[in-house]
């Protein structure tokens, strides 16, 4: 039960990842086993993605973060 609560809280923090087409993307969550979680996603298309992060129900400074996905596998943060 506690583990599910942590995942739900994490989903509140990582509000969403929006693809270049404007649609939300799924975030993969992994339990690190130490009370923390890792959130990852693999871009399914080239272009600019937006990662919205909230803490305590409020956007963190500079959120949403923009990430550029390239066909070469390189990533650029702005």
PDB file of N, CA and C in Angstrom:
ATOM      1  N   UNK A   1       0.818  -1.190   0.000  1.00  0.00           N
ATOM      2  CA  UNK A   1       0.000   0.000   0.000  1.00  0.00           C
ATOM      3  C   UNK A   1       0.864   1.256   0.000  1.00  0.00           C
ATOM      4  N   UNK A   2       1.912   1.299   0.814  1.00  0.00           N
ATOM      5  CA  UNK A   2       2.783   2.475   0.858  1.00  0.00           C
ATOM      6  C   UNK A   2       3.466   2.691  -0.489  1.00  0.00           C
ATOM      7  N   UNK A   3       3.902   1.619  -1.133  1.00  0.00           N
ATOM      8  CA  UNK A   3       4.565   1.738  -2.422  1.00  0.00           C
ATOM      9  C   UNK A   3       3.633   2.406  -3.429  1.00  0.00           C
ATOM     10  N   UNK A   4       2.371   2.027  -3.470  1.00  0.00           N
ATOM     11  CA  UNK A   4       1.409   2.626  -4.384  1.00  0.00           C
ATOM     12  C   UNK A   4       1.244   4.110  -4.086  1.00  0.00           C
ATOM     13  N   UNK A   5       1.240   4.459  -2.816  1.00  0.00           N
ATOM     14  CA  UNK A   5       1.129   5.858  -2.446  1.00  0.00           C
ATOM     15  C   UNK A   5       2.295   6.655  -2.999  1.00  0.00           C
ATOM     16  N   UNK A   6       3.517   6.107  -2.887  1.00  0.00           N
ATOM     17  CA  UNK A   6       4.699   6.800  -3.403  1.00  0.00           C
ATOM     18  C   UNK A   6       4.582   7.006  -4.906  1.00  0.00           C
ATOM     19  N   UNK A   7       4.124   6.016  -5.641  1.00  0.00           N
ATOM     20  CA  UNK A   7       3.987   6.140  -7.086  1.00  0.00           C
ATOM     21  C   UNK A   7       2.940   7.199  -7.419  1.00  0.00           C
ATOM     22  N   UNK A   8       1.848   7.214  -6.691  1.00  0.00           N
ATOM     23  CA  UNK A   8       0.826   8.232  -6.932  1.00  0.00           C
ATOM     24  C   UNK A   8       1.375   9.625  -6.661  1.00  0.00           C
ATOM     25  N   UNK A   9       2.165   9.774  -5.610  1.00  0.00           N
ATOM     26  CA  UNK A   9       2.768  11.074  -5.310  1.00  0.00           C
ATOM     27  C   UNK A   9       3.741  11.471  -6.414  1.00  0.00           C
ATOM     28  N   UNK A  10       4.504  10.518  -6.938  1.00  0.00           N
ATOM     29  CA  UNK A  10       5.436  10.817  -8.015  1.00  0.00           C
ATOM     30  C   UNK A  10       4.684  11.261  -9.264  1.00  0.00           C
ATOM     31  N   UNK A  11       3.571  10.612  -9.550  1.00  0.00           N
ATOM     32  CA  UNK A  11       2.783  11.003 -10.716  1.00  0.00           C
ATOM     33  C   UNK A  11       2.260  12.429 -10.568  1.00  0.00           C
ATOM     34  N   UNK A  12       2.051  12.882  -9.333  1.00  0.00           N
ATOM     35  CA  UNK A  12       1.636  14.261  -9.110  1.00  0.00           C
ATOM     36  C   UNK A  12       2.796  15.221  -9.370  1.00  0.00           C
ATOM     37  N   UNK A  13       4.018  14.771  -9.123  1.00  0.00           N
ATOM     38  CA  UNK A  13       5.201  15.610  -9.323  1.00  0.00           C
ATOM     39  C   UNK A  13       5.513  15.725 -10.808  1.00  0.00           C
ATOM     40  N   UNK A  14       5.629  14.587 -11.503  1.00  0.00           N
ATOM     41  CA  UNK A  14       5.861  14.600 -12.939  1.00  0.00           C
ATOM     42  C   UNK A  14       4.485  14.737 -13.565  1.00  0.00           C
ATOM     43  N   UNK A  15       4.071  15.954 -13.774  1.00  0.00           N
ATOM     44  CA  UNK A  15       2.712  16.204 -14.227  1.00  0.00           C
ATOM     45  C   UNK A  15       2.452  15.572 -15.582  1.00  0.00           C
ATOM     46  N   UNK A  16       3.312  15.832 -16.555  1.00  0.00           N
ATOM     47  CA  UNK A  16       3.149  15.191 -17.847  1.00  0.00           C
ATOM     48  C   UNK A  16       4.355  15.448 -18.739  1.00  0.00           C
ATOM     49  N   UNK A  17       4.484  14.623 -19.732  1.00  0.00           N
ATOM     50  CA  UNK A  17       5.436  14.846 -20.815  1.00  0.00           C
ATOM     51  C   UNK A  17       4.593  14.971 -22.073  1.00  0.00           C
ATOM     52  N   UNK A  18       4.748  16.094 -22.749  1.00  0.00           N
ATOM     53  CA  UNK A  18       3.968  16.374 -23.947  1.00  0.00           C
ATOM     54  C   UNK A  18       4.884  16.269 -25.160  1.00  0.00           C
ATOM     55  N   UNK A  19       4.454  15.489 -26.148  1.00  0.00           N
ATOM     56  CA  UNK A  19       5.240  15.304 -27.358  1.00  0.00           C
ATOM     57  C   UNK A  19       5.125  16.462 -28.321  1.00  0.00           C
ATOM     58  N   UNK A  20       5.919  16.428 -29.396  1.00  0.00           N
ATOM     59  CA  UNK A  20       5.895  17.490 -30.400  1.00  0.00           C
ATOM     60  C   UNK A  20       4.514  17.673 -31.038  1.00  0.00           C
ATOM     61  N   UNK A  21       3.711  16.636 -31.014  1.00  0.00           N
ATOM     62  CA  UNK A  21       2.366  16.705 -31.607  1.00  0.00           C
ATOM     63  C   UNK A  21       1.326  17.236 -30.620  1.00  0.00           C
ATOM     64  N   UNK A  22       1.759  17.556 -29.395  1.00  0.00           N
ATOM     65  CA  UNK A  22       0.847  18.104 -28.398  1.00  0.00           C
ATOM     66  C   UNK A  22       0.157  17.080 -27.523  1.00  0.00           C
ATOM     67  N   UNK A  23       0.382  15.797 -27.800  1.00  0.00           N
ATOM     68  CA  UNK A  23      -0.260  14.742 -27.014  1.00  0.00           C
ATOM     69  C   UNK A  23       0.646  14.282 -25.877  1.00  0.00           C
ATOM     70  N   UNK A  24       0.054  13.885 -24.729  1.00  0.00           N
ATOM     71  CA  UNK A  24       0.852  13.416 -23.593  1.00  0.00           C
ATOM     72  C   UNK A  24       1.520  12.076 -23.889  1.00  0.00           C
ATOM     73  N   UNK A  25       2.638  11.841 -23.240  1.00  0.00           N
ATOM     74  CA  UNK A  25       3.382  10.588 -23.363  1.00  0.00           C
ATOM     75  C   UNK A  25       3.378   9.863 -22.023  1.00  0.00           C
ATOM     76  N   UNK A  26       3.516   8.543 -22.080  1.00  0.00           N
ATOM     77  CA  UNK A  26       3.574   7.740 -20.856  1.00  0.00           C
ATOM     78  C   UNK A  26       4.967   7.824 -20.248  1.00  0.00           C
ATOM     79  N   UNK A  27       4.985   7.875 -18.930  1.00  0.00           N
ATOM     80  CA  UNK A  27       6.233   7.926 -18.170  1.00  0.00           C
ATOM     81  C   UNK A  27       6.424   6.575 -17.508  1.00  0.00           C
ATOM     82  N   UNK A  28       7.612   5.996 -17.639  1.00  0.00           N
ATOM     83  CA  UNK A  28       7.922   4.727 -16.989  1.00  0.00           C
ATOM     84  C   UNK A  28       8.495   5.035 -15.612  1.00  0.00           C
ATOM     85  N   UNK A  29       7.924   4.390 -14.586  1.00  0.00           N
ATOM     86  CA  UNK A  29       8.381   4.598 -13.218  1.00  0.00           C
ATOM     87  C   UNK A  29       9.102   3.363 -12.709  1.00  0.00           C
ATOM     88  N   UNK A  30      10.212   3.582 -12.012  1.00  0.00           N
ATOM     89  CA  UNK A  30      10.981   2.486 -11.419  1.00  0.00           C
ATOM     90  C   UNK A  30      11.271   2.813  -9.961  1.00  0.00           C
ATOM     91  N   UNK A  31      11.044   1.841  -9.098  1.00  0.00           N
ATOM     92  CA  UNK A  31      11.334   1.979  -7.674  1.00  0.00           C
ATOM     93  C   UNK A  31      12.820   1.724  -7.467  1.00  0.00           C
ATOM     94  N   UNK A  32      13.542   2.705  -6.932  1.00  0.00           N
ATOM     95  CA  UNK A  32      14.975   2.552  -6.685  1.00  0.00           C
ATOM     96  C   UNK A  32      15.264   1.727  -5.437  1.00  0.00           C
ATOM     97  N   UNK A  33      14.228   1.384  -4.668  1.00  0.00           N
ATOM     98  CA  UNK A  33      14.409   0.557  -3.482  1.00  0.00           C
ATOM     99  C   UNK A  33      14.912   1.318  -2.273  1.00  0.00           C
ATOM    100  N   UNK A  34      15.070   2.634  -2.404  1.00  0.00           N
ATOM    101  CA  UNK A  34      15.580   3.426  -1.282  1.00  0.00           C
ATOM    102  C   UNK A  34      14.631   4.571  -0.921  1.00  0.00           C
ATOM    103  N   UNK A  35      13.363   4.419  -1.312  1.00  0.00           N
ATOM    104  CA  UNK A  35      12.383   5.461  -1.035  1.00  0.00           C
ATOM    105  C   UNK A  35      12.275   6.503  -2.144  1.00  0.00           C
ATOM    106  N   UNK A  36      13.081   6.325  -3.193  1.00  0.00           N
ATOM    107  CA  UNK A  36      13.004   7.233  -4.337  1.00  0.00           C
ATOM    108  C   UNK A  36      12.588   6.457  -5.576  1.00  0.00           C
ATOM    109  N   UNK A  37      12.172   7.196  -6.597  1.00  0.00           N
ATOM    110  CA  UNK A  37      11.750   6.593  -7.844  1.00  0.00           C
ATOM    111  C   UNK A  37      12.441   7.287  -9.002  1.00  0.00           C
ATOM    112  N   UNK A  38      12.585   6.568 -10.094  1.00  0.00           N
ATOM    113  CA  UNK A  38      13.158   7.128 -11.314  1.00  0.00           C
ATOM    114  C   UNK A  38      12.070   7.154 -12.373  1.00  0.00           C
ATOM    115  N   UNK A  39      11.886   8.301 -12.992  1.00  0.00           N
ATOM    116  CA  UNK A  39      10.910   8.447 -14.065  1.00  0.00           C
ATOM    117  C   UNK A  39      11.664   8.588 -15.378  1.00  0.00           C
ATOM    118  N   UNK A  40      11.321   7.764 -16.368  1.00  0.00           N
ATOM    119  CA  UNK A  40      11.984   7.833 -17.670  1.00  0.00           C
ATOM    120  C   UNK A  40      10.957   7.750 -18.786  1.00  0.00           C
ATOM    121  N   UNK A  41      11.362   8.222 -19.928  1.00  0.00           N
ATOM    122  CA  UNK A  41      10.558   8.059 -21.134  1.00  0.00           C
ATOM    123  C   UNK A  41      11.504   8.005 -22.323  1.00  0.00           C
ATOM    124  N   UNK A  42      11.058   7.376 -23.368  1.00  0.00           N
ATOM    125  CA  UNK A  42      11.835   7.285 -24.603  1.00  0.00           C
ATOM    126  C   UNK A  42      11.050   8.028 -25.675  1.00  0.00           C
ATOM    127  N   UNK A  43      11.628   9.088 -26.235  1.00  0.00           N
ATOM    128  CA  UNK A  43      10.915   9.819 -27.282  1.00  0.00           C
ATOM    129  C   UNK A  43      10.555   8.900 -28.440  1.00  0.00           C
ATOM    130  N   UNK A  44       9.327   9.051 -28.930  1.00  0.00           N
ATOM    131  CA  UNK A  44       8.883   8.231 -30.049  1.00  0.00           C
ATOM    132  C   UNK A  44       8.923   8.996 -31.366  1.00  0.00           C
ATOM    133  N   UNK A  45       9.443  10.219 -31.303  1.00  0.00           N
ATOM    134  CA  UNK A  45       9.534  11.043 -32.500  1.00  0.00           C
ATOM    135  C   UNK A  45      10.572  12.130 -32.259  1.00  0.00           C
ATOM    136  N   UNK A  46      11.120  12.660 -33.328  1.00  0.00           N
ATOM    137  CA  UNK A  46      12.031  13.792 -33.209  1.00  0.00           C
ATOM    138  C   UNK A  46      11.209  15.046 -32.943  1.00  0.00           C
ATOM    139  N   UNK A  47      11.794  15.976 -32.237  1.00  0.00           N
ATOM    140  CA  UNK A  47      11.107  17.240 -31.990  1.00  0.00           C
ATOM    141  C   UNK A  47      11.245  17.683 -30.551  1.00  0.00           C
ATOM    142  N   UNK A  48      10.499  18.737 -30.222  1.00  0.00           N
ATOM    143  CA  UNK A  48      10.573  19.336 -28.890  1.00  0.00           C
ATOM    144  C   UNK A  48       9.491  18.758 -27.980  1.00  0.00           C
ATOM    145  N   UNK A  49       9.930  18.267 -26.831  1.00  0.00           N
ATOM    146  CA  UNK A  49       9.038  17.716 -25.806  1.00  0.00           C
ATOM    147  C   UNK A  49       8.994  18.694 -24.640  1.00  0.00           C
ATOM    148  N   UNK A  50       7.866  18.704 -23.942  1.00  0.00           N
ATOM    149  CA  UNK A  50       7.714  19.530 -22.746  1.00  0.00           C
ATOM    150  C   UNK A  50       7.511  18.616 -21.550  1.00  0.00           C
ATOM    151  N   UNK A  51       8.310  18.831 -20.506  1.00  0.00           N
ATOM    152  CA  UNK A  51       8.206  18.059 -19.271  1.00  0.00           C
ATOM    153  C   UNK A  51       7.748  19.010 -18.174  1.00  0.00           C
ATOM    154  N   UNK A  52       6.537  18.792 -17.697  1.00  0.00           N
ATOM    155  CA  UNK A  52       5.969  19.637 -16.661  1.00  0.00           C
ATOM    156  C   UNK A  52       6.198  18.982 -15.306  1.00  0.00           C
ATOM    157  N   UNK A  53       6.791  19.735 -14.375  1.00  0.00           N
ATOM    158  CA  UNK A  53       7.102  19.207 -13.048  1.00  0.00           C
ATOM    159  C   UNK A  53       6.451  20.099 -12.000  1.00  0.00           C
ATOM    160  N   UNK A  54       5.713  19.467 -11.088  1.00  0.00           N
ATOM    161  CA  UNK A  54       5.074  20.193  -9.995  1.00  0.00           C
ATOM    162  C   UNK A  54       5.572  19.645  -8.664  1.00  0.00           C
ATOM    163  N   UNK A  55       5.603  20.518  -7.662  1.00  0.00           N
ATOM    164  CA  UNK A  55       5.921  20.105  -6.298  1.00  0.00           C
ATOM    165  C   UNK A  55       4.956  20.843  -5.384  1.00  0.00           C
ATOM    166  N   UNK A  56       4.262  20.119  -4.551  1.00  0.00           N
ATOM    167  CA  UNK A  56       3.273  20.733  -3.674  1.00  0.00           C
ATOM    168  C   UNK A  56       2.124  21.354  -4.449  1.00  0.00           C
ATOM    169  N   UNK A  57       1.839  20.798  -5.632  1.00  0.00           N
ATOM    170  CA  UNK A  57       0.742  21.292  -6.442  1.00  0.00           C
ATOM    171  C   UNK A  57       1.070  22.517  -7.273  1.00  0.00           C
ATOM    172  N   UNK A  58       2.319  22.996  -7.204  1.00  0.00           N
ATOM    173  CA  UNK A  58       2.723  24.182  -7.958  1.00  0.00           C
ATOM    174  C   UNK A  58       3.855  23.836  -8.912  1.00  0.00           C
ATOM    175  N   UNK A  59       3.847  24.486 -10.067  1.00  0.00           N
ATOM    176  CA  UNK A  59       4.931  24.286 -11.034  1.00  0.00           C
ATOM    177  C   UNK A  59       6.253  24.711 -10.397  1.00  0.00           C
ATOM    178  N   UNK A  60       7.302  23.903 -10.577  1.00  0.00           N
ATOM    179  CA  UNK A  60       8.624  24.305 -10.113  1.00  0.00           C
ATOM    180  C   UNK A  60       9.138  25.394 -11.052  1.00  0.00           C
ATOM    181  N   UNK A  61      10.091  26.213 -10.603  1.00  0.00           N
ATOM    182  CA  UNK A  61      10.605  27.269 -11.473  1.00  0.00           C
ATOM    183  C   UNK A  61      11.093  26.719 -12.815  1.00  0.00           C
ATOM    184  N   UNK A  62      10.770  27.420 -13.861  1.00  0.00           N
ATOM    185  CA  UNK A  62      11.178  27.121 -15.243  1.00  0.00           C
ATOM    186  C   UNK A  62      10.444  25.925 -15.856  1.00  0.00           C
ATOM    187  N   UNK A  63       9.479  25.360 -15.161  1.00  0.00           N
ATOM    188  CA  UNK A  63       8.672  24.272 -15.720  1.00  0.00           C
ATOM    189  C   UNK A  63       7.551  24.885 -16.538  1.00  0.00           C
ATOM    190  N   UNK A  64       7.198  24.330 -17.670  1.00  0.00           N
ATOM    191  CA  UNK A  64       7.689  23.055 -18.214  1.00  0.00           C
ATOM    192  C   UNK A  64       9.072  23.197 -18.850  1.00  0.00           C
ATOM    193  N   UNK A  65       9.852  22.142 -18.700  1.00  0.00           N
ATOM    194  CA  UNK A  65      11.181  22.081 -19.289  1.00  0.00           C
ATOM    195  C   UNK A  65      11.053  21.589 -20.725  1.00  0.00           C
ATOM    196  N   UNK A  66      11.853  22.126 -21.600  1.00  0.00           N
ATOM    197  CA  UNK A  66      11.794  21.707 -22.991  1.00  0.00           C
ATOM    198  C   UNK A  66      13.010  20.853 -23.318  1.00  0.00           C
ATOM    199  N   UNK A  67      12.756  19.732 -23.967  1.00  0.00           N
ATOM    200  CA  UNK A  67      13.803  18.777 -24.342  1.00  0.00           C
ATOM    201  C   UNK A  67      13.675  18.530 -25.840  1.00  0.00           C
ATOM    202  N   UNK A  68      14.775  18.654 -26.539  1.00  0.00           N
ATOM    203  CA  UNK A  68      14.784  18.416 -27.983  1.00  0.00           C
ATOM    204  C   UNK A  68      15.298  17.001 -28.251  1.00  0.00           C
ATOM    205  N   UNK A  69      14.512  16.193 -28.949  1.00  0.00           N
ATOM    206  CA  UNK A  69      14.912  14.831 -29.310  1.00  0.00           C
ATOM    207  C   UNK A  69      15.373  14.820 -30.770  1.00  0.00           C
ATOM    208  N   UNK A  70      16.545  14.237 -30.998  1.00  0.00           N
ATOM    209  CA  UNK A  70      17.132  14.142 -32.327  1.00  0.00           C
ATOM    210  C   UNK A  70      17.209  12.691 -32.763  1.00  0.00           C
ATOM    211  N   UNK A  71      17.243  12.455 -34.035  1.00  0.00           N
ATOM    212  CA  UNK A  71      17.347  11.087 -34.574  1.00  0.00           C
ATOM    213  C   UNK A  71      18.665  10.436 -34.205  1.00  0.00           C
ATOM    214  N   UNK A  72      19.693  11.200 -33.925  1.00  0.00           N
ATOM    215  CA  UNK A  72      21.008  10.651 -33.599  1.00  0.00           C
ATOM    216  C   UNK A  72      21.084  10.098 -32.191  1.00  0.00           C
ATOM    217  N   UNK A  73      20.061  10.352 -31.385  1.00  0.00           N
ATOM    218  CA  UNK A  73      20.076   9.908 -29.993  1.00  0.00           C
ATOM    219  C   UNK A  73      20.594  10.996 -29.069  1.00  0.00           C
ATOM    220  N   UNK A  74      21.008  12.144 -29.622  1.00  0.00           N
ATOM    221  CA  UNK A  74      21.469  13.253 -28.804  1.00  0.00           C
ATOM    222  C   UNK A  74      20.281  13.980 -28.202  1.00  0.00           C
ATOM    223  N   UNK A  75      20.517  14.622 -27.057  1.00  0.00           N
ATOM    224  CA  UNK A  75      19.472  15.384 -26.395  1.00  0.00           C
ATOM    225  C   UNK A  75      20.013  16.752 -26.063  1.00  0.00           C
ATOM    226  N   UNK A  76      19.196  17.775 -26.217  1.00  0.00           N
ATOM    227  CA  UNK A  76      19.572  19.139 -25.892  1.00  0.00           C
ATOM    228  C   UNK A  76      18.530  19.720 -24.961  1.00  0.00           C
ATOM    229  N   UNK A  77      18.961  20.263 -23.827  1.00  0.00           N
ATOM    230  CA  UNK A  77      18.037  20.895 -22.875  1.00  0.00           C
ATOM    231  C   UNK A  77      18.085  22.402 -23.063  1.00  0.00           C
ATOM    232  N   UNK A  78      16.935  23.047 -22.986  1.00  0.00           N
ATOM    233  CA  UNK A  78      16.889  24.509 -23.078  1.00  0.00           C
ATOM    234  C   UNK A  78      16.202  25.074 -21.872  1.00  0.00           C
TER     235      UNK A  78
END
